[in-house]
Amino acid sequence: MRTEPPAATPEPVFVLGPGRSFTSVVSTCLGQHPQLYGLPETNLFLSNTMWDWWQRQGAGRAPDAHGLLRTVAEVVYGEQSARTVMLARLWIRRRLAQTPSEVLREIAGSVHPRRLVEKSPRTSAHPRRLEALDLAFPRASFIHVVRSPIEQTRSIVAFAAEVGVPRESLAGWLAAGGDPYARWYQFNSNILSFLETVPEQRWVRVRGEDILRNPARSLAALADRLCLRADAEAVEEMLHPERSPFARFGPPGAEMGNDPHFLHDPRLRTAPGAPADRSGDFTIGPPPEEVSRLAVELGYPVAWMSDAVQIPLPPVLGRPGLERSGRSAGVSGPTGDGLVMDALRG
């Protein structure tokens, strides 16, 4: 008897953007669509081989490994627990001779016919990583999520304070030449250059502020662009990122896997389009000229870029996972380059 070959596994949707640019909420909302499956940050494409990934991630024990561990625990073993995290680590060890794309394809096959949604902000730090995505998945779709550099900078500094970086350290880092706008510019520039090489039908750019201002309409438009259902039932599912199995802190050994602030409260919240007029106890200068030019190119009014940025510093969040995240990112040590920026999680 003749049988039909299985349908090809659909290629992933990659959400691109610098950290603190609403990538967590956008990717998780999309991942709740009935035809999609959202992942935490796998960070797979920070390395060329799984052996390199394993070494980079401290034999799978570094916080940046938590997203892949949680993914394997949930997708392969059906739950996230200390036991399945241990099994996930063994699962990865058995694949150290493979490439990151082979591992992601295996995961995609496990959730077929749903299509993976993956976002790892630091993939966009280097053009070669973005090129590797396209080479491995030549029919993948890309969603470039942007946010105003003003609000992203506020978010960066506030996040550093939340994970315990003293105000004095933040001031010292800035005084030593630290640039809180640098990665906004670097990551978005890399993404723009990369997308110039990708056919227009395979990518879309969205402003995070637009999605938060009208999430139902914006998410329906994204679903339609991806040739997915955009009916009321599908949109309703996307409005609840908190229902994702990854929208909370994970079990021991894999607590993180996403922006810790998002994990602390993953509910969808609406936001105004313009920067909030806030008073603050911390001030940084307006964006440099090249940042302002790129922001205007991405659709943000030039008037938003002219003033110094006032930042109210929030109290340290008491969740232990947040404190661990701050220490693991190196934000509670001596001041220096990367003090705040290495704390970024999208």
C-alpha atoms as a PDB file:
ATOM      1  CA  MET A   1       0.000   0.000   0.000  1.00  0.00           C
ATOM      2  CA  ARG A   2       1.339   3.412  -0.943  1.00  0.00           C
ATOM      3  CA  THR A   3       1.582   5.996   1.826  1.00  0.00           C
ATOM      4  CA  GLU A   4       2.029   9.709   1.429  1.00  0.00           C
ATOM      5  CA  PRO A   5       5.329  11.125   2.729  1.00  0.00           C
ATOM      6  CA  PRO A   6       4.988  13.220   5.879  1.00  0.00           C
ATOM      7  CA  ALA A   7       4.525  16.913   5.338  1.00  0.00           C
ATOM      8  CA  ALA A   8       7.741  18.901   5.652  1.00  0.00           C
ATOM      9  CA  THR A   9       8.279  20.517   9.026  1.00  0.00           C
ATOM     10  CA  PRO A  10       7.551  24.235   8.636  1.00  0.00           C
ATOM     11  CA  GLU A  11      10.548  26.468   9.170  1.00  0.00           C
ATOM     12  CA  PRO A  12      10.713  28.719  12.248  1.00  0.00           C
ATOM     13  CA  VAL A  13       9.645  32.275  12.815  1.00  0.00           C
ATOM     14  CA  PHE A  14      12.618  34.194  14.231  1.00  0.00           C
ATOM     15  CA  VAL A  15      11.890  37.308  16.284  1.00  0.00           C
ATOM     16  CA  LEU A  16      14.820  39.718  15.982  1.00  0.00           C
ATOM     17  CA  GLY A  17      15.611  42.735  18.115  1.00  0.00           C
ATOM     18  CA  PRO A  18      17.888  44.012  20.850  1.00  0.00           C
ATOM     19  CA  GLY A  19      17.126  43.211  24.444  1.00  0.00           C
ATOM     20  CA  ARG A  20      14.477  45.257  26.236  1.00  0.00           C
ATOM     21  CA  SER A  21      12.614  45.861  22.961  1.00  0.00           C
ATOM     22  CA  PHE A  22       9.411  43.910  23.690  1.00  0.00           C
ATOM     23  CA  THR A  23      10.817  40.788  22.008  1.00  0.00           C
ATOM     24  CA  SER A  24       9.813  38.635  24.988  1.00  0.00           C
ATOM     25  CA  VAL A  25       6.179  39.648  24.962  1.00  0.00           C
ATOM     26  CA  VAL A  26       5.875  39.664  21.146  1.00  0.00           C
ATOM     27  CA  SER A  27       7.437  36.218  20.702  1.00  0.00           C
ATOM     28  CA  THR A  28       5.443  34.713  23.572  1.00  0.00           C
ATOM     29  CA  CYS A  29       2.170  36.196  22.315  1.00  0.00           C
ATOM     30  CA  LEU A  30       2.845  34.776  18.856  1.00  0.00           C
ATOM     31  CA  GLY A  31       3.834  31.457  20.378  1.00  0.00           C
ATOM     32  CA  GLN A  32       0.353  31.115  21.863  1.00  0.00           C
ATOM     33  CA  HIS A  33      -1.220  31.098  18.394  1.00  0.00           C
ATOM     34  CA  PRO A  34      -2.768  27.651  17.750  1.00  0.00           C
ATOM     35  CA  GLN A  35      -0.496  27.163  14.721  1.00  0.00           C
ATOM     36  CA  LEU A  36       2.713  28.288  16.432  1.00  0.00           C
ATOM     37  CA  TYR A  37       4.858  27.129  19.347  1.00  0.00           C
ATOM     38  CA  GLY A  38       6.884  29.738  21.221  1.00  0.00           C
ATOM     39  CA  LEU A  39      10.261  28.895  22.712  1.00  0.00           C
ATOM     40  CA  PRO A  40      12.312  30.642  25.371  1.00  0.00           C
ATOM     41  CA  GLU A  41      15.758  31.947  24.437  1.00  0.00           C
ATOM     42  CA  THR A  42      17.709  28.943  23.160  1.00  0.00           C
ATOM     43  CA  ASN A  43      20.835  30.945  22.282  1.00  0.00           C
ATOM     44  CA  LEU A  44      21.666  28.158  19.842  1.00  0.00           C
ATOM     45  CA  PHE A  45      23.076  30.405  17.150  1.00  0.00           C
ATOM     46  CA  LEU A  46      25.653  32.019  19.416  1.00  0.00           C
ATOM     47  CA  SER A  47      27.796  29.001  18.497  1.00  0.00           C
ATOM     48  CA  ASN A  48      28.672  27.147  15.298  1.00  0.00           C
ATOM     49  CA  THR A  49      28.441  23.635  16.751  1.00  0.00           C
ATOM     50  CA  MET A  50      26.692  22.056  19.701  1.00  0.00           C
ATOM     51  CA  TRP A  51      30.078  21.241  21.171  1.00  0.00           C
ATOM     52  CA  ASP A  52      30.944  24.948  21.077  1.00  0.00           C
ATOM     53  CA  TRP A  53      27.531  25.752  22.581  1.00  0.00           C
ATOM     54  CA  TRP A  54      28.135  23.225  25.376  1.00  0.00           C
ATOM     55  CA  GLN A  55      31.535  24.697  26.194  1.00  0.00           C
ATOM     56  CA  ARG A  56      30.267  28.265  26.008  1.00  0.00           C
ATOM     57  CA  GLN A  57      27.390  27.447  28.361  1.00  0.00           C
ATOM     58  CA  GLY A  58      29.487  25.757  31.029  1.00  0.00           C
ATOM     59  CA  ALA A  59      28.423  22.209  30.171  1.00  0.00           C
ATOM     60  CA  GLY A  60      24.829  23.380  29.983  1.00  0.00           C
ATOM     61  CA  ARG A  61      24.822  24.989  33.434  1.00  0.00           C
ATOM     62  CA  ALA A  62      25.181  28.685  32.586  1.00  0.00           C
ATOM     63  CA  PRO A  63      22.025  30.847  32.762  1.00  0.00           C
ATOM     64  CA  ASP A  64      22.115  31.306  28.976  1.00  0.00           C
ATOM     65  CA  ALA A  65      21.583  27.529  28.646  1.00  0.00           C
ATOM     66  CA  HIS A  66      18.367  27.578  30.640  1.00  0.00           C
ATOM     67  CA  GLY A  67      16.120  28.336  27.670  1.00  0.00           C
ATOM     68  CA  LEU A  68      17.254  25.291  25.692  1.00  0.00           C
ATOM     69  CA  LEU A  69      17.122  23.091  28.802  1.00  0.00           C
ATOM     70  CA  ARG A  70      13.544  24.190  29.493  1.00  0.00           C
ATOM     71  CA  THR A  71      12.620  23.680  25.844  1.00  0.00           C
ATOM     72  CA  VAL A  72      13.895  20.090  25.779  1.00  0.00           C
ATOM     73  CA  ALA A  73      12.368  19.319  29.179  1.00  0.00           C
ATOM     74  CA  GLU A  74       8.944  20.538  28.053  1.00  0.00           C
ATOM     75  CA  VAL A  75       8.927  19.372  24.417  1.00  0.00           C
ATOM     76  CA  VAL A  76      10.733  16.039  24.754  1.00  0.00           C
ATOM     77  CA  TYR A  77       9.888  14.978  28.308  1.00  0.00           C
ATOM     78  CA  GLY A  78       6.506  16.648  28.770  1.00  0.00           C
ATOM     79  CA  GLU A  79       7.179  18.833  31.794  1.00  0.00           C
ATOM     80  CA  GLN A  80       9.675  21.164  33.412  1.00  0.00           C
ATOM     81  CA  SER A  81      11.062  19.754  36.647  1.00  0.00           C
ATOM     82  CA  ALA A  82      14.450  19.176  38.223  1.00  0.00           C
ATOM     83  CA  ARG A  83      14.326  15.609  36.892  1.00  0.00           C
ATOM     84  CA  THR A  84      13.478  16.538  33.298  1.00  0.00           C
ATOM     85  CA  VAL A  85      16.077  19.333  33.307  1.00  0.00           C
ATOM     86  CA  MET A  86      18.666  16.686  34.174  1.00  0.00           C
ATOM     87  CA  LEU A  87      17.336  14.518  31.335  1.00  0.00           C
ATOM     88  CA  ALA A  88      17.427  17.527  28.999  1.00  0.00           C
ATOM     89  CA  ARG A  89      21.097  18.080  29.796  1.00  0.00           C
ATOM     90  CA  LEU A  90      21.805  14.447  28.870  1.00  0.00           C
ATOM     91  CA  TRP A  91      19.701  14.832  25.701  1.00  0.00           C
ATOM     92  CA  ILE A  92      21.874  17.762  24.623  1.00  0.00           C
ATOM     93  CA  ARG A  93      25.093  15.906  25.478  1.00  0.00           C
ATOM     94  CA  ARG A  94      24.121  13.131  23.105  1.00  0.00           C
ATOM     95  CA  ARG A  95      23.932  15.707  20.285  1.00  0.00           C
ATOM     96  CA  LEU A  96      27.264  17.484  20.728  1.00  0.00           C
ATOM     97  CA  ALA A  97      28.378  16.286  17.289  1.00  0.00           C
ATOM     98  CA  GLN A  98      25.425  18.036  15.661  1.00  0.00           C
ATOM     99  CA  THR A  99      24.925  21.627  14.573  1.00  0.00           C
ATOM    100  CA  PRO A 100      22.571  24.072  16.323  1.00  0.00           C
ATOM    101  CA  SER A 101      20.292  24.039  13.274  1.00  0.00           C
ATOM    102  CA  GLU A 102      20.019  20.223  13.431  1.00  0.00           C
ATOM    103  CA  VAL A 103      18.987  20.432  17.083  1.00  0.00           C
ATOM    104  CA  LEU A 104      16.417  23.133  16.347  1.00  0.00           C
ATOM    105  CA  ARG A 105      15.019  21.067  13.461  1.00  0.00           C
ATOM    106  CA  GLU A 106      14.602  18.080  15.769  1.00  0.00           C
ATOM    107  CA  ILE A 107      12.711  20.235  18.249  1.00  0.00           C
ATOM    108  CA  ALA A 108      10.588  21.618  15.407  1.00  0.00           C
ATOM    109  CA  GLY A 109       9.734  18.071  14.352  1.00  0.00           C
ATOM    110  CA  SER A 110       8.547  17.315  17.884  1.00  0.00           C
ATOM    111  CA  VAL A 111       5.928  20.099  17.808  1.00  0.00           C
ATOM    112  CA  HIS A 112       4.889  19.562  14.160  1.00  0.00           C
ATOM    113  CA  PRO A 113       2.538  20.725  12.636  1.00  0.00           C
ATOM    114  CA  ARG A 114       2.943  23.823  14.790  1.00  0.00           C
ATOM    115  CA  ARG A 115       5.669  26.208  13.712  1.00  0.00           C
ATOM    116  CA  LEU A 116       8.425  27.289  16.108  1.00  0.00           C
ATOM    117  CA  VAL A 117       8.812  30.880  17.240  1.00  0.00           C
ATOM    118  CA  GLU A 118      12.353  31.559  18.485  1.00  0.00           C
ATOM    119  CA  LYS A 119      13.933  34.692  19.824  1.00  0.00           C
ATOM    120  CA  SER A 120      17.423  35.069  21.241  1.00  0.00           C
ATOM    121  CA  PRO A 121      18.340  38.766  21.216  1.00  0.00           C
ATOM    122  CA  ARG A 122      22.083  38.265  21.131  1.00  0.00           C
ATOM    123  CA  THR A 123      21.828  36.426  17.831  1.00  0.00           C
ATOM    124  CA  SER A 124      21.596  39.935  16.376  1.00  0.00           C
ATOM    125  CA  ALA A 125      24.886  41.042  17.922  1.00  0.00           C
ATOM    126  CA  HIS A 126      26.897  39.724  14.954  1.00  0.00           C
ATOM    127  CA  PRO A 127      25.971  39.672  11.255  1.00  0.00           C
ATOM    128  CA  ARG A 128      27.380  36.148  10.827  1.00  0.00           C
ATOM    129  CA  ARG A 129      24.862  34.796  13.342  1.00  0.00           C
ATOM    130  CA  LEU A 130      21.980  36.276  11.373  1.00  0.00           C
ATOM    131  CA  GLU A 131      23.446  34.910   8.160  1.00  0.00           C
ATOM    132  CA  ALA A 132      23.644  31.475   9.799  1.00  0.00           C
ATOM    133  CA  LEU A 133      19.886  31.588  10.487  1.00  0.00           C
ATOM    134  CA  ASP A 134      19.107  32.230   6.852  1.00  0.00           C
ATOM    135  CA  LEU A 135      21.571  29.631   5.620  1.00  0.00           C
ATOM    136  CA  ALA A 136      20.151  26.942   7.923  1.00  0.00           C
ATOM    137  CA  PHE A 137      16.491  27.887   7.357  1.00  0.00           C
ATOM    138  CA  PRO A 138      16.128  29.410   3.872  1.00  0.00           C
ATOM    139  CA  ARG A 139      12.320  29.575   4.150  1.00  0.00           C
ATOM    140  CA  ALA A 140      12.154  30.956   7.681  1.00  0.00           C
ATOM    141  CA  SER A 141      10.239  34.126   8.500  1.00  0.00           C
ATOM    142  CA  PHE A 142      11.722  37.059  10.415  1.00  0.00           C
ATOM    143  CA  ILE A 143       9.971  39.614  12.593  1.00  0.00           C
ATOM    144  CA  HIS A 144      12.057  42.674  13.450  1.00  0.00           C
ATOM    145  CA  VAL A 145      10.728  44.245  16.651  1.00  0.00           C
ATOM    146  CA  VAL A 146      11.868  47.801  17.349  1.00  0.00           C
ATOM    147  CA  ARG A 147      11.411  50.113  20.299  1.00  0.00           C
ATOM    148  CA  SER A 148      12.198  53.780  20.829  1.00  0.00           C
ATOM    149  CA  PRO A 149      15.823  54.165  21.981  1.00  0.00           C
ATOM    150  CA  ILE A 150      14.590  56.501  24.714  1.00  0.00           C
ATOM    151  CA  GLU A 151      12.272  53.941  26.287  1.00  0.00           C
ATOM    152  CA  GLN A 152      14.689  51.079  25.712  1.00  0.00           C
ATOM    153  CA  THR A 153      17.411  52.994  27.547  1.00  0.00           C
ATOM    154  CA  ARG A 154      15.059  53.691  30.427  1.00  0.00           C
ATOM    155  CA  SER A 155      14.264  49.995  30.513  1.00  0.00           C
ATOM    156  CA  ILE A 156      17.948  48.994  30.478  1.00  0.00           C
ATOM    157  CA  VAL A 157      18.889  51.196  33.392  1.00  0.00           C
ATOM    158  CA  ALA A 158      15.757  50.309  35.357  1.00  0.00           C
ATOM    159  CA  PHE A 159      16.447  46.622  34.814  1.00  0.00           C
ATOM    160  CA  ALA A 160      20.000  47.015  36.105  1.00  0.00           C
ATOM    161  CA  ALA A 161      18.627  48.671  39.251  1.00  0.00           C
ATOM    162  CA  GLU A 162      16.032  45.921  39.682  1.00  0.00           C
ATOM    163  CA  VAL A 163      18.697  43.217  39.717  1.00  0.00           C
ATOM    164  CA  GLY A 164      20.745  45.067  42.302  1.00  0.00           C
ATOM    165  CA  VAL A 165      23.241  47.309  40.484  1.00  0.00           C
ATOM    166  CA  PRO A 166      23.910  50.297  42.797  1.00  0.00           C
ATOM    167  CA  ARG A 167      23.213  53.757  41.456  1.00  0.00           C
ATOM    168  CA  GLU A 168      26.884  54.619  42.059  1.00  0.00           C
ATOM    169  CA  SER A 169      27.958  51.771  39.772  1.00  0.00           C
ATOM    170  CA  LEU A 170      25.610  52.912  37.029  1.00  0.00           C
ATOM    171  CA  ALA A 171      26.931  56.468  37.315  1.00  0.00           C
ATOM    172  CA  GLY A 172      30.514  55.209  37.285  1.00  0.00           C
ATOM    173  CA  TRP A 173      29.897  53.101  34.194  1.00  0.00           C
ATOM    174  CA  LEU A 174      28.446  56.100  32.349  1.00  0.00           C
ATOM    175  CA  ALA A 175      31.234  58.395  33.534  1.00  0.00           C
ATOM    176  CA  ALA A 176      33.779  55.876  32.221  1.00  0.00           C
ATOM    177  CA  GLY A 177      32.266  56.126  28.747  1.00  0.00           C
ATOM    178  CA  GLY A 178      29.549  53.486  28.911  1.00  0.00           C
ATOM    179  CA  ASP A 179      26.970  54.063  26.207  1.00  0.00           C
ATOM    180  CA  PRO A 180      23.457  52.754  27.009  1.00  0.00           C
ATOM    181  CA  TYR A 181      22.374  53.407  23.407  1.00  0.00           C
ATOM    182  CA  ALA A 182      25.190  51.352  21.858  1.00  0.00           C
ATOM    183  CA  ARG A 183      23.496  48.012  21.540  1.00  0.00           C
ATOM    184  CA  TRP A 184      20.217  49.509  20.368  1.00  0.00           C
ATOM    185  CA  TYR A 185      22.174  50.974  17.461  1.00  0.00           C
ATOM    186  CA  GLN A 186      24.427  47.958  16.859  1.00  0.00           C
ATOM    187  CA  PHE A 187      21.704  45.321  16.939  1.00  0.00           C
ATOM    188  CA  ASN A 188      19.183  47.244  14.852  1.00  0.00           C
ATOM    189  CA  SER A 189      21.838  48.189  12.295  1.00  0.00           C
ATOM    190  CA  ASN A 190      22.846  44.540  11.966  1.00  0.00           C
ATOM    191  CA  ILE A 191      19.228  43.485  11.511  1.00  0.00           C
ATOM    192  CA  LEU A 192      18.511  46.155   8.897  1.00  0.00           C
ATOM    193  CA  SER A 193      21.575  45.143   6.881  1.00  0.00           C
ATOM    194  CA  PHE A 194      20.662  41.473   7.136  1.00  0.00           C
ATOM    195  CA  LEU A 195      17.047  41.959   6.059  1.00  0.00           C
ATOM    196  CA  GLU A 196      18.201  43.758   2.924  1.00  0.00           C
ATOM    197  CA  THR A 197      19.409  40.324   1.760  1.00  0.00           C
ATOM    198  CA  VAL A 198      16.127  38.537   2.592  1.00  0.00           C
ATOM    199  CA  PRO A 199      13.131  38.552   0.199  1.00  0.00           C
ATOM    200  CA  GLU A 200      10.478  41.015   1.381  1.00  0.00           C
ATOM    201  CA  GLN A 201       7.784  38.356   1.660  1.00  0.00           C
ATOM    202  CA  ARG A 202       9.782  36.612   4.397  1.00  0.00           C
ATOM    203  CA  TRP A 203      10.096  39.459   6.895  1.00  0.00           C
ATOM    204  CA  VAL A 204       8.155  42.215   8.572  1.00  0.00           C
ATOM    205  CA  ARG A 205       9.126  45.055  10.891  1.00  0.00           C
ATOM    206  CA  VAL A 206       6.881  46.103  13.787  1.00  0.00           C
ATOM    207  CA  ARG A 207       7.130  48.743  16.481  1.00  0.00           C
ATOM    208  CA  GLY A 208       6.667  47.217  19.899  1.00  0.00           C
ATOM    209  CA  GLU A 209       4.768  50.303  21.030  1.00  0.00           C
ATOM    210  CA  ASP A 210       2.182  49.742  18.290  1.00  0.00           C
ATOM    211  CA  ILE A 211       1.615  46.163  19.395  1.00  0.00           C
ATOM    212  CA  LEU A 212       1.137  47.168  23.028  1.00  0.00           C
ATOM    213  CA  ARG A 213      -1.142  50.068  22.106  1.00  0.00           C
ATOM    214  CA  ASN A 214      -3.502  47.840  20.095  1.00  0.00           C
ATOM    215  CA  PRO A 215      -2.460  44.218  20.634  1.00  0.00           C
ATOM    216  CA  ALA A 216      -5.486  42.500  19.124  1.00  0.00           C
ATOM    217  CA  ARG A 217      -5.294  44.342  15.807  1.00  0.00           C
ATOM    218  CA  SER A 218      -1.488  44.207  15.613  1.00  0.00           C
ATOM    219  CA  LEU A 219      -1.225  40.508  16.441  1.00  0.00           C
ATOM    220  CA  ALA A 220      -3.985  39.670  13.957  1.00  0.00           C
ATOM    221  CA  ALA A 221      -2.036  41.569  11.283  1.00  0.00           C
ATOM    222  CA  LEU A 222       1.123  39.644  12.142  1.00  0.00           C
ATOM    223  CA  ALA A 223      -0.733  36.337  11.955  1.00  0.00           C
ATOM    224  CA  ASP A 224      -2.133  37.289   8.577  1.00  0.00           C
ATOM    225  CA  ARG A 225       1.333  38.254   7.335  1.00  0.00           C
ATOM    226  CA  LEU A 226       2.567  34.792   8.394  1.00  0.00           C
ATOM    227  CA  CYS A 227      -0.349  33.183   6.493  1.00  0.00           C
ATOM    228  CA  LEU A 228      -1.902  31.961   9.740  1.00  0.00           C
ATOM    229  CA  ARG A 229      -5.408  32.080  11.120  1.00  0.00           C
ATOM    230  CA  ALA A 230      -6.394  35.556  12.265  1.00  0.00           C
ATOM    231  CA  ASP A 231      -9.858  34.735  13.625  1.00  0.00           C
ATOM    232  CA  ALA A 232     -11.118  35.836  17.037  1.00  0.00           C
ATOM    233  CA  GLU A 233     -10.208  32.550  18.726  1.00  0.00           C
ATOM    234  CA  ALA A 234      -6.600  32.654  17.519  1.00  0.00           C
ATOM    235  CA  VAL A 235      -6.222  36.320  18.486  1.00  0.00           C
ATOM    236  CA  GLU A 236      -7.668  35.649  21.943  1.00  0.00           C
ATOM    237  CA  GLU A 237      -5.021  32.982  22.544  1.00  0.00           C
ATOM    238  CA  MET A 238      -2.265  35.407  21.542  1.00  0.00           C
ATOM    239  CA  LEU A 239      -3.509  37.970  24.052  1.00  0.00           C
ATOM    240  CA  HIS A 240      -2.471  35.653  26.906  1.00  0.00           C
ATOM    241  CA  PRO A 241       1.307  35.187  26.928  1.00  0.00           C
ATOM    242  CA  GLU A 242       1.067  34.229  30.592  1.00  0.00           C
ATOM    243  CA  ARG A 243      -0.406  30.881  29.533  1.00  0.00           C
ATOM    244  CA  SER A 244       2.857  29.779  27.917  1.00  0.00           C
ATOM    245  CA  PRO A 245       4.652  26.987  29.815  1.00  0.00           C
ATOM    246  CA  PHE A 246       7.769  29.159  29.604  1.00  0.00           C
ATOM    247  CA  ALA A 247       6.183  32.363  30.978  1.00  0.00           C
ATOM    248  CA  ARG A 248       7.399  31.809  34.531  1.00  0.00           C
ATOM    249  CA  PHE A 249      10.601  30.996  36.334  1.00  0.00           C
ATOM    250  CA  GLY A 250      11.740  27.455  35.645  1.00  0.00           C
ATOM    251  CA  PRO A 251      12.736  24.597  37.953  1.00  0.00           C
ATOM    252  CA  PRO A 252      16.097  24.326  39.750  1.00  0.00           C
ATOM    253  CA  GLY A 253      18.915  24.168  37.259  1.00  0.00           C
ATOM    254  CA  ALA A 254      16.962  26.060  34.578  1.00  0.00           C
ATOM    255  CA  GLU A 255      15.274  28.987  36.275  1.00  0.00           C
ATOM    256  CA  MET A 256      15.772  31.557  33.522  1.00  0.00           C
ATOM    257  CA  GLY A 257      15.427  31.329  29.748  1.00  0.00           C
ATOM    258  CA  ASN A 258      13.920  34.738  29.172  1.00  0.00           C
ATOM    259  CA  ASP A 259      13.911  38.322  30.376  1.00  0.00           C
ATOM    260  CA  PRO A 260      13.586  37.966  34.172  1.00  0.00           C
ATOM    261  CA  HIS A 261      11.265  40.957  34.356  1.00  0.00           C
ATOM    262  CA  PHE A 262       8.924  39.249  31.898  1.00  0.00           C
ATOM    263  CA  LEU A 263       9.138  35.993  33.861  1.00  0.00           C
ATOM    264  CA  HIS A 264       8.205  37.904  37.008  1.00  0.00           C
ATOM    265  CA  ASP A 265       4.996  39.222  35.385  1.00  0.00           C
ATOM    266  CA  PRO A 266       4.273  37.929  31.855  1.00  0.00           C
ATOM    267  CA  ARG A 267       0.814  39.432  31.445  1.00  0.00           C
ATOM    268  CA  LEU A 268       0.208  41.604  28.395  1.00  0.00           C
ATOM    269  CA  ARG A 269       0.036  45.280  29.297  1.00  0.00           C
ATOM    270  CA  THR A 270      -0.910  48.140  27.025  1.00  0.00           C
ATOM    271  CA  ALA A 271       1.383  51.135  26.655  1.00  0.00           C
ATOM    272  CA  PRO A 272       1.213  54.612  25.096  1.00  0.00           C
ATOM    273  CA  GLY A 273       2.975  55.271  21.831  1.00  0.00           C
ATOM    274  CA  ALA A 274       4.960  58.311  22.959  1.00  0.00           C
ATOM    275  CA  PRO A 275       7.634  58.243  25.687  1.00  0.00           C
ATOM    276  CA  ALA A 276       6.176  58.876  29.087  1.00  0.00           C
ATOM    277  CA  ASP A 277       6.912  62.278  30.609  1.00  0.00           C
ATOM    278  CA  ARG A 278       8.592  61.089  33.764  1.00  0.00           C
ATOM    279  CA  SER A 279      10.580  62.671  36.521  1.00  0.00           C
ATOM    280  CA  GLY A 280      13.482  60.609  37.710  1.00  0.00           C
ATOM    281  CA  ASP A 281      16.418  60.319  40.044  1.00  0.00           C
ATOM    282  CA  PHE A 282      18.870  59.366  37.290  1.00  0.00           C
ATOM    283  CA  THR A 283      19.628  61.307  34.109  1.00  0.00           C
ATOM    284  CA  ILE A 284      21.425  60.398  30.902  1.00  0.00           C
ATOM    285  CA  GLY A 285      21.941  62.459  27.782  1.00  0.00           C
ATOM    286  CA  PRO A 286      19.833  62.339  24.626  1.00  0.00           C
ATOM    287  CA  PRO A 287      20.695  59.782  21.932  1.00  0.00           C
ATOM    288  CA  PRO A 288      23.757  60.470  19.758  1.00  0.00           C
ATOM    289  CA  GLU A 289      23.149  61.745  16.242  1.00  0.00           C
ATOM    290  CA  GLU A 290      23.539  58.352  14.537  1.00  0.00           C
ATOM    291  CA  VAL A 291      21.044  56.791  16.958  1.00  0.00           C
ATOM    292  CA  SER A 292      18.539  59.594  16.350  1.00  0.00           C
ATOM    293  CA  ARG A 293      18.864  59.209  12.575  1.00  0.00           C
ATOM    294  CA  LEU A 294      18.234  55.481  12.746  1.00  0.00           C
ATOM    295  CA  ALA A 295      15.290  55.970  15.119  1.00  0.00           C
ATOM    296  CA  VAL A 296      13.690  58.413  12.673  1.00  0.00           C
ATOM    297  CA  GLU A 297      14.280  55.926   9.854  1.00  0.00           C
ATOM    298  CA  LEU A 298      12.399  53.355  11.935  1.00  0.00           C
ATOM    299  CA  GLY A 299       9.440  55.705  12.348  1.00  0.00           C
ATOM    300  CA  TYR A 300      10.077  57.552  15.609  1.00  0.00           C
ATOM    301  CA  PRO A 301       9.599  61.361  15.686  1.00  0.00           C
ATOM    302  CA  VAL A 302      12.811  63.361  15.798  1.00  0.00           C
ATOM    303  CA  ALA A 303      11.328  65.468  18.622  1.00  0.00           C
ATOM    304  CA  TRP A 304      11.554  62.434  20.913  1.00  0.00           C
ATOM    305  CA  MET A 305      15.355  62.428  20.604  1.00  0.00           C
ATOM    306  CA  SER A 306      16.226  65.943  21.725  1.00  0.00           C
ATOM    307  CA  ASP A 307      16.017  65.887  25.513  1.00  0.00           C
ATOM    308  CA  ALA A 308      17.957  64.266  28.305  1.00  0.00           C
ATOM    309  CA  VAL A 309      16.352  61.091  29.621  1.00  0.00           C
ATOM    310  CA  GLN A 310      14.985  61.057  33.160  1.00  0.00           C
ATOM    311  CA  ILE A 311      14.919  57.604  34.733  1.00  0.00           C
ATOM    312  CA  PRO A 312      13.225  56.701  38.012  1.00  0.00           C
ATOM    313  CA  LEU A 313      15.155  53.832  39.561  1.00  0.00           C
ATOM    314  CA  PRO A 314      12.829  51.098  40.863  1.00  0.00           C
ATOM    315  CA  PRO A 315      13.525  49.038  43.974  1.00  0.00           C
ATOM    316  CA  VAL A 316      15.323  45.732  43.695  1.00  0.00           C
ATOM    317  CA  LEU A 317      12.860  42.955  42.942  1.00  0.00           C
ATOM    318  CA  GLY A 318      12.935  40.319  45.628  1.00  0.00           C
ATOM    319  CA  ARG A 319      12.566  37.299  43.389  1.00  0.00           C
ATOM    320  CA  PRO A 320      15.712  35.150  43.872  1.00  0.00           C
ATOM    321  CA  GLY A 321      15.812  34.355  40.175  1.00  0.00           C
ATOM    322  CA  LEU A 322      16.157  38.049  39.368  1.00  0.00           C
ATOM    323  CA  GLU A 323      19.058  38.432  41.785  1.00  0.00           C
ATOM    324  CA  ARG A 324      20.786  35.377  40.317  1.00  0.00           C
ATOM    325  CA  SER A 325      20.271  36.818  36.860  1.00  0.00           C
ATOM    326  CA  GLY A 326      21.963  40.051  37.832  1.00  0.00           C
ATOM    327  CA  ARG A 327      24.976  38.267  39.293  1.00  0.00           C
ATOM    328  CA  SER A 328      25.310  35.883  36.362  1.00  0.00           C
ATOM    329  CA  ALA A 329      25.270  38.795  33.929  1.00  0.00           C
ATOM    330  CA  GLY A 330      28.076  40.513  35.781  1.00  0.00           C
ATOM    331  CA  VAL A 331      26.063  43.596  36.664  1.00  0.00           C
ATOM    332  CA  SER A 332      26.820  43.577  40.382  1.00  0.00           C
ATOM    333  CA  GLY A 333      30.593  43.577  40.081  1.00  0.00           C
ATOM    334  CA  PRO A 334      33.058  46.398  39.359  1.00  0.00           C
ATOM    335  CA  THR A 335      32.093  49.043  36.867  1.00  0.00           C
ATOM    336  CA  GLY A 336      33.337  48.775  33.302  1.00  0.00           C
ATOM    337  CA  ASP A 337      32.290  48.114  29.731  1.00  0.00           C
ATOM    338  CA  GLY A 338      29.284  45.825  29.536  1.00  0.00           C
ATOM    339  CA  LEU A 339      28.181  46.414  33.137  1.00  0.00           C
ATOM    340  CA  VAL A 340      24.605  47.118  32.168  1.00  0.00           C
ATOM    341  CA  MET A 341      24.562  45.834  28.616  1.00  0.00           C
ATOM    342  CA  ASP A 342      25.479  42.263  29.464  1.00  0.00           C
ATOM    343  CA  ALA A 343      22.381  42.191  31.665  1.00  0.00           C
ATOM    344  CA  LEU A 344      20.153  42.522  28.638  1.00  0.00           C
ATOM    345  CA  ARG A 345      17.490  39.915  27.990  1.00  0.00           C
ATOM    346  CA  GLY A 346      14.934  40.751  25.363  1.00  0.00           C
END
